[in-house]
Structure formats: C-alpha cells, structure tokens
Amino acid sequence: MSKSLYLSAILFLFISCGGSAHRDENKAEGSAEETAVSIPSFDADSAYYYVERQVAFGPRVPNTEAHREAGLWLADRLGSFADT
C-alpha cells in the first residue's frame, strides 16, 4: 500500500513539473517582443569630471550645506538626463 502511495506521489510531481515548464516555454516564445535599446558610449573624461564635481563639495555630512548643495547638483544633473 505504501509503495503505491509513494509511486503515485512521484508520478504526480513528475507530471506536474513537466507540464508547467512546457507551458512557460510556449508562453515566452509567443509573447516575446524585441525592443531596441540604445546604450550610450562611456566617456572616461566625463565620468572623471562628475566624480571630481561631487568630491569638490567636500565632506557631505547629512544636514550640512555641502550635503544640500551636492544633492541639488545631483538632482539637476540627473534631471537633465531623464524626462521625469
């Protein structure tokens, strides 16, 4: 009796796992949409400039003037790269 119970459980798990994987593959293949993504080129000089500007504010201890100025500068720079 216990052998048939174990066999049934193994058979159930085998069938249920195999079926869901197959459905996921078909779903992924049928609904895949390719979107073009433009990746900007990396400019080492520009990256160094941004790091240099951030460091120029000095120690950015929270609630200090340097902290506020750095935050405003970062928000301004990031805002120029995004629409929202």
PDB file of N, CA and C in Angstrom:
ATOM      1  N   MET A   1       0.824  -1.193   0.000  1.00  0.00           N
ATOM      2  CA  MET A   1       0.000   0.000   0.000  1.00  0.00           C
ATOM      3  C   MET A   1       0.864   1.251   0.000  1.00  0.00           C
ATOM      4  N   SER A   2       1.886   1.304   0.825  1.00  0.00           N
ATOM      5  CA  SER A   2       2.710   2.496   0.900  1.00  0.00           C
ATOM      6  C   SER A   2       3.543   2.678  -0.364  1.00  0.00           C
ATOM      7  N   LYS A   3       3.914   1.560  -1.019  1.00  0.00           N
ATOM      8  CA  LYS A   3       4.672   1.682  -2.271  1.00  0.00           C
ATOM      9  C   LYS A   3       3.841   2.365  -3.341  1.00  0.00           C
ATOM     10  N   SER A   4       2.580   2.040  -3.417  1.00  0.00           N
ATOM     11  CA  SER A   4       1.727   2.651  -4.437  1.00  0.00           C
ATOM     12  C   SER A   4       1.496   4.136  -4.130  1.00  0.00           C
ATOM     13  N   LEU A   5       1.443   4.482  -2.851  1.00  0.00           N
ATOM     14  CA  LEU A   5       1.287   5.876  -2.467  1.00  0.00           C
ATOM     15  C   LEU A   5       2.523   6.687  -2.862  1.00  0.00           C
ATOM     16  N   TYR A   6       3.716   6.158  -2.579  1.00  0.00           N
ATOM     17  CA  TYR A   6       4.952   6.828  -2.978  1.00  0.00           C
ATOM     18  C   TYR A   6       5.050   6.940  -4.498  1.00  0.00           C
ATOM     19  N   LEU A   7       4.713   5.882  -5.177  1.00  0.00           N
ATOM     20  CA  LEU A   7       4.758   5.876  -6.634  1.00  0.00           C
ATOM     21  C   LEU A   7       3.799   6.909  -7.209  1.00  0.00           C
ATOM     22  N   SER A   8       2.612   6.998  -6.631  1.00  0.00           N
ATOM     23  CA  SER A   8       1.627   7.983  -7.090  1.00  0.00           C
ATOM     24  C   SER A   8       2.134   9.399  -6.859  1.00  0.00           C
ATOM     25  N   ALA A   9       2.747   9.656  -5.704  1.00  0.00           N
ATOM     26  CA  ALA A   9       3.269  10.989  -5.405  1.00  0.00           C
ATOM     27  C   ALA A   9       4.382  11.369  -6.363  1.00  0.00           C
ATOM     28  N   ILE A  10       5.284  10.442  -6.624  1.00  0.00           N
ATOM     29  CA  ILE A  10       6.386  10.709  -7.551  1.00  0.00           C
ATOM     30  C   ILE A  10       5.854  10.960  -8.948  1.00  0.00           C
ATOM     31  N   LEU A  11       4.902  10.156  -9.386  1.00  0.00           N
ATOM     32  CA  LEU A  11       4.306  10.320 -10.702  1.00  0.00           C
ATOM     33  C   LEU A  11       3.595  11.670 -10.803  1.00  0.00           C
ATOM     34  N   PHE A  12       2.863  12.047  -9.761  1.00  0.00           N
ATOM     35  CA  PHE A  12       2.174  13.330  -9.740  1.00  0.00           C
ATOM     36  C   PHE A  12       3.162  14.485  -9.860  1.00  0.00           C
ATOM     37  N   LEU A  13       4.244  14.451  -9.073  1.00  0.00           N
ATOM     38  CA  LEU A  13       5.249  15.512  -9.126  1.00  0.00           C
ATOM     39  C   LEU A  13       5.934  15.582 -10.484  1.00  0.00           C
ATOM     40  N   PHE A  14       6.229  14.426 -11.039  1.00  0.00           N
ATOM     41  CA  PHE A  14       6.891  14.375 -12.337  1.00  0.00           C
ATOM     42  C   PHE A  14       6.012  14.994 -13.419  1.00  0.00           C
ATOM     43  N   ILE A  15       4.750  14.654 -13.419  1.00  0.00           N
ATOM     44  CA  ILE A  15       3.835  15.160 -14.440  1.00  0.00           C
ATOM     45  C   ILE A  15       3.576  16.650 -14.240  1.00  0.00           C
ATOM     46  N   SER A  16       3.350  17.056 -13.002  1.00  0.00           N
ATOM     47  CA  SER A  16       3.025  18.461 -12.765  1.00  0.00           C
ATOM     48  C   SER A  16       4.208  19.376 -13.065  1.00  0.00           C
ATOM     49  N   CYS A  17       5.406  18.978 -12.762  1.00  0.00           N
ATOM     50  CA  CYS A  17       6.580  19.805 -13.056  1.00  0.00           C
ATOM     51  C   CYS A  17       6.833  19.886 -14.546  1.00  0.00           C
ATOM     52  N   GLY A  18       6.699  18.796 -15.232  1.00  0.00           N
ATOM     53  CA  GLY A  18       6.949  18.773 -16.667  1.00  0.00           C
ATOM     54  C   GLY A  18       5.948  19.599 -17.434  1.00  0.00           C
ATOM     55  N   GLY A  19       4.725  19.607 -17.022  1.00  0.00           N
ATOM     56  CA  GLY A  19       3.684  20.337 -17.727  1.00  0.00           C
ATOM     57  C   GLY A  19       3.836  21.839 -17.605  1.00  0.00           C
ATOM     58  N   SER A  20       4.163  22.340 -16.425  1.00  0.00           N
ATOM     59  CA  SER A  20       4.264  23.787 -16.244  1.00  0.00           C
ATOM     60  C   SER A  20       5.474  24.354 -16.971  1.00  0.00           C
ATOM     61  N   ALA A  21       6.553  23.633 -17.015  1.00  0.00           N
ATOM     62  CA  ALA A  21       7.745  24.115 -17.726  1.00  0.00           C
ATOM     63  C   ALA A  21       7.455  24.229 -19.210  1.00  0.00           C
ATOM     64  N   HIS A  22       6.715  23.284 -19.748  1.00  0.00           N
ATOM     65  CA  HIS A  22       6.384  23.311 -21.160  1.00  0.00           C
ATOM     66  C   HIS A  22       5.477  24.486 -21.476  1.00  0.00           C
ATOM     67  N   ARG A  23       4.509  24.767 -20.634  1.00  0.00           N
ATOM     68  CA  ARG A  23       3.614  25.904 -20.860  1.00  0.00           C
ATOM     69  C   ARG A  23       4.372  27.218 -20.792  1.00  0.00           C
ATOM     70  N   ASP A  24       5.317  27.354 -19.861  1.00  0.00           N
ATOM     71  CA  ASP A  24       6.087  28.585 -19.744  1.00  0.00           C
ATOM     72  C   ASP A  24       6.932  28.841 -20.976  1.00  0.00           C
ATOM     73  N   GLU A  25       7.496  27.790 -21.563  1.00  0.00           N
ATOM     74  CA  GLU A  25       8.309  27.961 -22.763  1.00  0.00           C
ATOM     75  C   GLU A  25       7.455  28.462 -23.917  1.00  0.00           C
ATOM     76  N   ASN A  26       6.280  27.864 -24.093  1.00  0.00           N
ATOM     77  CA  ASN A  26       5.407  28.298 -25.177  1.00  0.00           C
ATOM     78  C   ASN A  26       4.927  29.725 -24.965  1.00  0.00           C
ATOM     79  N   LYS A  27       4.619  30.061 -23.754  1.00  0.00           N
ATOM     80  CA  LYS A  27       4.159  31.405 -23.435  1.00  0.00           C
ATOM     81  C   LYS A  27       5.258  32.424 -23.717  1.00  0.00           C
ATOM     82  N   ALA A  28       6.476  32.110 -23.324  1.00  0.00           N
ATOM     83  CA  ALA A  28       7.591  33.029 -23.531  1.00  0.00           C
ATOM     84  C   ALA A  28       7.891  33.206 -25.011  1.00  0.00           C
ATOM     85  N   GLU A  29       7.795  32.136 -25.786  1.00  0.00           N
ATOM     86  CA  GLU A  29       8.095  32.231 -27.210  1.00  0.00           C
ATOM     87  C   GLU A  29       7.034  33.025 -27.952  1.00  0.00           C
ATOM     88  N   GLY A  30       5.787  32.848 -27.576  1.00  0.00           N
ATOM     89  CA  GLY A  30       4.700  33.502 -28.284  1.00  0.00           C
ATOM     90  C   GLY A  30       4.579  34.982 -27.977  1.00  0.00           C
ATOM     91  N   SER A  31       4.971  35.421 -26.795  1.00  0.00           N
ATOM     92  CA  SER A  31       4.747  36.804 -26.412  1.00  0.00           C
ATOM     93  C   SER A  31       6.023  37.637 -26.335  1.00  0.00           C
ATOM     94  N   ALA A  32       7.110  37.108 -26.831  1.00  0.00           N
ATOM     95  CA  ALA A  32       8.373  37.850 -26.748  1.00  0.00           C
ATOM     96  C   ALA A  32       8.369  38.982 -27.767  1.00  0.00           C
ATOM     97  N   GLU A  33       8.636  40.178 -27.282  1.00  0.00           N
ATOM     98  CA  GLU A  33       8.741  41.335 -28.164  1.00  0.00           C
ATOM     99  C   GLU A  33      10.142  41.914 -28.028  1.00  0.00           C
ATOM    100  N   GLU A  34      10.757  42.182 -29.144  1.00  0.00           N
ATOM    101  CA  GLU A  34      12.090  42.757 -29.116  1.00  0.00           C
ATOM    102  C   GLU A  34      11.974  44.271 -29.148  1.00  0.00           C
ATOM    103  N   THR A  35      12.686  44.916 -28.244  1.00  0.00           N
ATOM    104  CA  THR A  35      12.711  46.369 -28.234  1.00  0.00           C
ATOM    105  C   THR A  35      14.150  46.832 -28.380  1.00  0.00           C
ATOM    106  N   ALA A  36      14.323  47.866 -29.153  1.00  0.00           N
ATOM    107  CA  ALA A  36      15.663  48.402 -29.373  1.00  0.00           C
ATOM    108  C   ALA A  36      16.046  49.281 -28.185  1.00  0.00           C
ATOM    109  N   VAL A  37      17.215  49.048 -27.665  1.00  0.00           N
ATOM    110  CA  VAL A  37      17.721  49.814 -26.538  1.00  0.00           C
ATOM    111  C   VAL A  37      19.016  50.477 -26.975  1.00  0.00           C
ATOM    112  N   SER A  38      19.072  51.788 -26.833  1.00  0.00           N
ATOM    113  CA  SER A  38      20.305  52.476 -27.200  1.00  0.00           C
ATOM    114  C   SER A  38      21.163  52.640 -25.944  1.00  0.00           C
ATOM    115  N   ILE A  39      22.370  52.189 -26.021  1.00  0.00           N
ATOM    116  CA  ILE A  39      23.304  52.256 -24.907  1.00  0.00           C
ATOM    117  C   ILE A  39      24.323  53.349 -25.216  1.00  0.00           C
ATOM    118  N   PRO A  40      24.395  54.365 -24.368  1.00  0.00           N
ATOM    119  CA  PRO A  40      25.348  55.443 -24.645  1.00  0.00           C
ATOM    120  C   PRO A  40      26.784  54.954 -24.477  1.00  0.00           C
ATOM    121  N   SER A  41      27.675  55.571 -25.199  1.00  0.00           N
ATOM    122  CA  SER A  41      29.084  55.204 -25.074  1.00  0.00           C
ATOM    123  C   SER A  41      29.643  55.778 -23.771  1.00  0.00           C
ATOM    124  N   PHE A  42      30.612  55.101 -23.209  1.00  0.00           N
ATOM    125  CA  PHE A  42      31.225  55.527 -21.959  1.00  0.00           C
ATOM    126  C   PHE A  42      32.353  56.497 -22.260  1.00  0.00           C
ATOM    127  N   ASP A  43      32.328  57.639 -21.603  1.00  0.00           N
ATOM    128  CA  ASP A  43      33.362  58.650 -21.771  1.00  0.00           C
ATOM    129  C   ASP A  43      34.096  58.792 -20.438  1.00  0.00           C
ATOM    130  N   ALA A  44      35.333  58.335 -20.378  1.00  0.00           N
ATOM    131  CA  ALA A  44      36.105  58.348 -19.124  1.00  0.00           C
ATOM    132  C   ALA A  44      36.320  59.765 -18.615  1.00  0.00           C
ATOM    133  N   ASP A  45      36.558  60.716 -19.515  1.00  0.00           N
ATOM    134  CA  ASP A  45      36.779  62.097 -19.088  1.00  0.00           C
ATOM    135  C   ASP A  45      35.529  62.677 -18.436  1.00  0.00           C
ATOM    136  N   SER A  46      34.377  62.381 -19.016  1.00  0.00           N
ATOM    137  CA  SER A  46      33.123  62.861 -18.456  1.00  0.00           C
ATOM    138  C   SER A  46      32.852  62.230 -17.092  1.00  0.00           C
ATOM    139  N   ALA A  47      33.101  60.948 -16.973  1.00  0.00           N
ATOM    140  CA  ALA A  47      32.900  60.263 -15.694  1.00  0.00           C
ATOM    141  C   ALA A  47      33.823  60.847 -14.626  1.00  0.00           C
ATOM    142  N   TYR A  48      35.057  61.086 -14.989  1.00  0.00           N
ATOM    143  CA  TYR A  48      36.004  61.668 -14.036  1.00  0.00           C
ATOM    144  C   TYR A  48      35.550  63.065 -13.623  1.00  0.00           C
ATOM    145  N   TYR A  49      35.022  63.831 -14.568  1.00  0.00           N
ATOM    146  CA  TYR A  49      34.534  65.177 -14.262  1.00  0.00           C
ATOM    147  C   TYR A  49      33.418  65.126 -13.224  1.00  0.00           C
ATOM    148  N   TYR A  50      32.472  64.209 -13.400  1.00  0.00           N
ATOM    149  CA  TYR A  50      31.355  64.107 -12.455  1.00  0.00           C
ATOM    150  C   TYR A  50      31.831  63.690 -11.063  1.00  0.00           C
ATOM    151  N   VAL A  51      32.781  62.796 -11.001  1.00  0.00           N
ATOM    152  CA  VAL A  51      33.331  62.407  -9.694  1.00  0.00           C
ATOM    153  C   VAL A  51      34.055  63.592  -9.068  1.00  0.00           C
ATOM    154  N   GLU A  52      34.829  64.307  -9.871  1.00  0.00           N
ATOM    155  CA  GLU A  52      35.555  65.473  -9.375  1.00  0.00           C
ATOM    156  C   GLU A  52      34.598  66.537  -8.833  1.00  0.00           C
ATOM    157  N   ARG A  53      33.491  66.777  -9.531  1.00  0.00           N
ATOM    158  CA  ARG A  53      32.496  67.759  -9.078  1.00  0.00           C
ATOM    159  C   ARG A  53      31.866  67.342  -7.747  1.00  0.00           C
ATOM    160  N   GLN A  54      31.573  66.061  -7.599  1.00  0.00           N
ATOM    161  CA  GLN A  54      30.964  65.595  -6.353  1.00  0.00           C
ATOM    162  C   GLN A  54      31.928  65.728  -5.183  1.00  0.00           C
ATOM    163  N   VAL A  55      33.180  65.409  -5.423  1.00  0.00           N
ATOM    164  CA  VAL A  55      34.182  65.488  -4.359  1.00  0.00           C
ATOM    165  C   VAL A  55      34.455  66.943  -3.993  1.00  0.00           C
ATOM    166  N   ALA A  56      34.296  67.858  -4.937  1.00  0.00           N
ATOM    167  CA  ALA A  56      34.572  69.272  -4.691  1.00  0.00           C
ATOM    168  C   ALA A  56      33.642  69.881  -3.638  1.00  0.00           C
ATOM    169  N   PHE A  57      32.503  69.264  -3.399  1.00  0.00           N
ATOM    170  CA  PHE A  57      31.598  69.779  -2.372  1.00  0.00           C
ATOM    171  C   PHE A  57      32.160  69.564  -0.970  1.00  0.00           C
ATOM    172  N   GLY A  58      33.151  68.719  -0.838  1.00  0.00           N
ATOM    173  CA  GLY A  58      33.732  68.437   0.473  1.00  0.00           C
ATOM    174  C   GLY A  58      32.952  67.338   1.181  1.00  0.00           C
ATOM    175  N   PRO A  59      33.230  67.161   2.453  1.00  0.00           N
ATOM    176  CA  PRO A  59      32.506  66.125   3.206  1.00  0.00           C
ATOM    177  C   PRO A  59      31.010  66.425   3.212  1.00  0.00           C
ATOM    178  N   ARG A  60      30.221  65.444   2.843  1.00  0.00           N
ATOM    179  CA  ARG A  60      28.779  65.627   2.733  1.00  0.00           C
ATOM    180  C   ARG A  60      28.079  64.956   3.912  1.00  0.00           C
ATOM    181  N   VAL A  61      28.320  65.537   5.070  1.00  0.00           N
ATOM    182  CA  VAL A  61      27.658  65.063   6.277  1.00  0.00           C
ATOM    183  C   VAL A  61      26.189  65.454   6.180  1.00  0.00           C
ATOM    184  N   PRO A  62      25.257  64.554   6.456  1.00  0.00           N
ATOM    185  CA  PRO A  62      23.838  64.890   6.348  1.00  0.00           C
ATOM    186  C   PRO A  62      23.478  66.167   7.108  1.00  0.00           C
ATOM    187  N   ASN A  63      22.607  66.953   6.490  1.00  0.00           N
ATOM    188  CA  ASN A  63      22.089  68.221   7.034  1.00  0.00           C
ATOM    189  C   ASN A  63      23.138  69.328   7.116  1.00  0.00           C
ATOM    190  N   THR A  64      24.153  69.264   6.267  1.00  0.00           N
ATOM    191  CA  THR A  64      25.115  70.358   6.171  1.00  0.00           C
ATOM    192  C   THR A  64      24.915  71.044   4.826  1.00  0.00           C
ATOM    193  N   GLU A  65      25.520  72.200   4.673  1.00  0.00           N
ATOM    194  CA  GLU A  65      25.397  72.949   3.419  1.00  0.00           C
ATOM    195  C   GLU A  65      25.985  72.165   2.234  1.00  0.00           C
ATOM    196  N   ALA A  66      27.128  71.520   2.446  1.00  0.00           N
ATOM    197  CA  ALA A  66      27.742  70.721   1.370  1.00  0.00           C
ATOM    198  C   ALA A  66      26.826  69.578   0.954  1.00  0.00           C
ATOM    199  N   HIS A  67      26.155  68.978   1.907  1.00  0.00           N
ATOM    200  CA  HIS A  67      25.225  67.885   1.627  1.00  0.00           C
ATOM    201  C   HIS A  67      24.055  68.390   0.783  1.00  0.00           C
ATOM    202  N   ARG A  68      23.484  69.519   1.147  1.00  0.00           N
ATOM    203  CA  ARG A  68      22.365  70.092   0.394  1.00  0.00           C
ATOM    204  C   ARG A  68      22.805  70.500  -1.014  1.00  0.00           C
ATOM    205  N   GLU A  69      23.946  71.164  -1.130  1.00  0.00           N
ATOM    206  CA  GLU A  69      24.432  71.601  -2.443  1.00  0.00           C
ATOM    207  C   GLU A  69      24.720  70.411  -3.359  1.00  0.00           C
ATOM    208  N   ALA A  70      25.338  69.378  -2.813  1.00  0.00           N
ATOM    209  CA  ALA A  70      25.619  68.186  -3.620  1.00  0.00           C
ATOM    210  C   ALA A  70      24.322  67.526  -4.064  1.00  0.00           C
ATOM    211  N   GLY A  71      23.347  67.470  -3.181  1.00  0.00           N
ATOM    212  CA  GLY A  71      22.051  66.887  -3.537  1.00  0.00           C
ATOM    213  C   GLY A  71      21.354  67.658  -4.635  1.00  0.00           C
ATOM    214  N   LEU A  72      21.381  68.987  -4.542  1.00  0.00           N
ATOM    215  CA  LEU A  72      20.766  69.813  -5.580  1.00  0.00           C
ATOM    216  C   LEU A  72      21.494  69.658  -6.918  1.00  0.00           C
ATOM    217  N   TRP A  73      22.821  69.620  -6.863  1.00  0.00           N
ATOM    218  CA  TRP A  73      23.599  69.459  -8.092  1.00  0.00           C
ATOM    219  C   TRP A  73      23.305  68.100  -8.740  1.00  0.00           C
ATOM    220  N   LEU A  74      23.284  67.034  -7.916  1.00  0.00           N
ATOM    221  CA  LEU A  74      22.989  65.710  -8.461  1.00  0.00           C
ATOM    222  C   LEU A  74      21.587  65.652  -9.052  1.00  0.00           C
ATOM    223  N   ALA A  75      20.607  66.230  -8.368  1.00  0.00           N
ATOM    224  CA  ALA A  75      19.238  66.232  -8.877  1.00  0.00           C
ATOM    225  C   ALA A  75      19.156  66.994 -10.200  1.00  0.00           C
ATOM    226  N   ASP A  76      19.866  68.099 -10.297  1.00  0.00           N
ATOM    227  CA  ASP A  76      19.885  68.881 -11.525  1.00  0.00           C
ATOM    228  C   ASP A  76      20.519  68.089 -12.668  1.00  0.00           C
ATOM    229  N   ARG A  77      21.659  67.461 -12.399  1.00  0.00           N
ATOM    230  CA  ARG A  77      22.351  66.686 -13.436  1.00  0.00           C
ATOM    231  C   ARG A  77      21.523  65.486 -13.872  1.00  0.00           C
ATOM    232  N   LEU A  78      20.965  64.755 -12.922  1.00  0.00           N
ATOM    233  CA  LEU A  78      20.161  63.584 -13.280  1.00  0.00           C
ATOM    234  C   LEU A  78      18.878  64.002 -13.998  1.00  0.00           C
ATOM    235  N   GLY A  79      18.313  65.156 -13.616  1.00  0.00           N
ATOM    236  CA  GLY A  79      17.130  65.662 -14.295  1.00  0.00           C
ATOM    237  C   GLY A  79      17.386  66.004 -15.741  1.00  0.00           C
ATOM    238  N   SER A  80      18.601  66.399 -16.065  1.00  0.00           N
ATOM    239  CA  SER A  80      18.919  66.724 -17.450  1.00  0.00           C
ATOM    240  C   SER A  80      19.041  65.476 -18.315  1.00  0.00           C
ATOM    241  N   PHE A  81      19.185  64.307 -17.708  1.00  0.00           N
ATOM    242  CA  PHE A  81      19.310  63.062 -18.468  1.00  0.00           C
ATOM    243  C   PHE A  81      17.993  62.296 -18.583  1.00  0.00           C
ATOM    244  N   ALA A  82      16.963  62.719 -17.849  1.00  0.00           N
ATOM    245  CA  ALA A  82      15.709  61.974 -17.832  1.00  0.00           C
ATOM    246  C   ALA A  82      14.527  62.927 -18.047  1.00  0.00           C
ATOM    247  N   ASP A  83      13.395  62.363 -18.448  1.00  0.00           N
ATOM    248  CA  ASP A  83      12.223  63.196 -18.673  1.00  0.00           C
ATOM    249  C   ASP A  83      11.393  63.401 -17.409  1.00  0.00           C
ATOM    250  N   THR A  84      11.564  62.545 -16.426  1.00  0.00           N
ATOM    251  CA  THR A  84      10.826  62.712 -15.161  1.00  0.00           C
ATOM    252  C   THR A  84      11.760  62.534 -13.995  1.00  0.00           C
TER     253      THR A  84
END
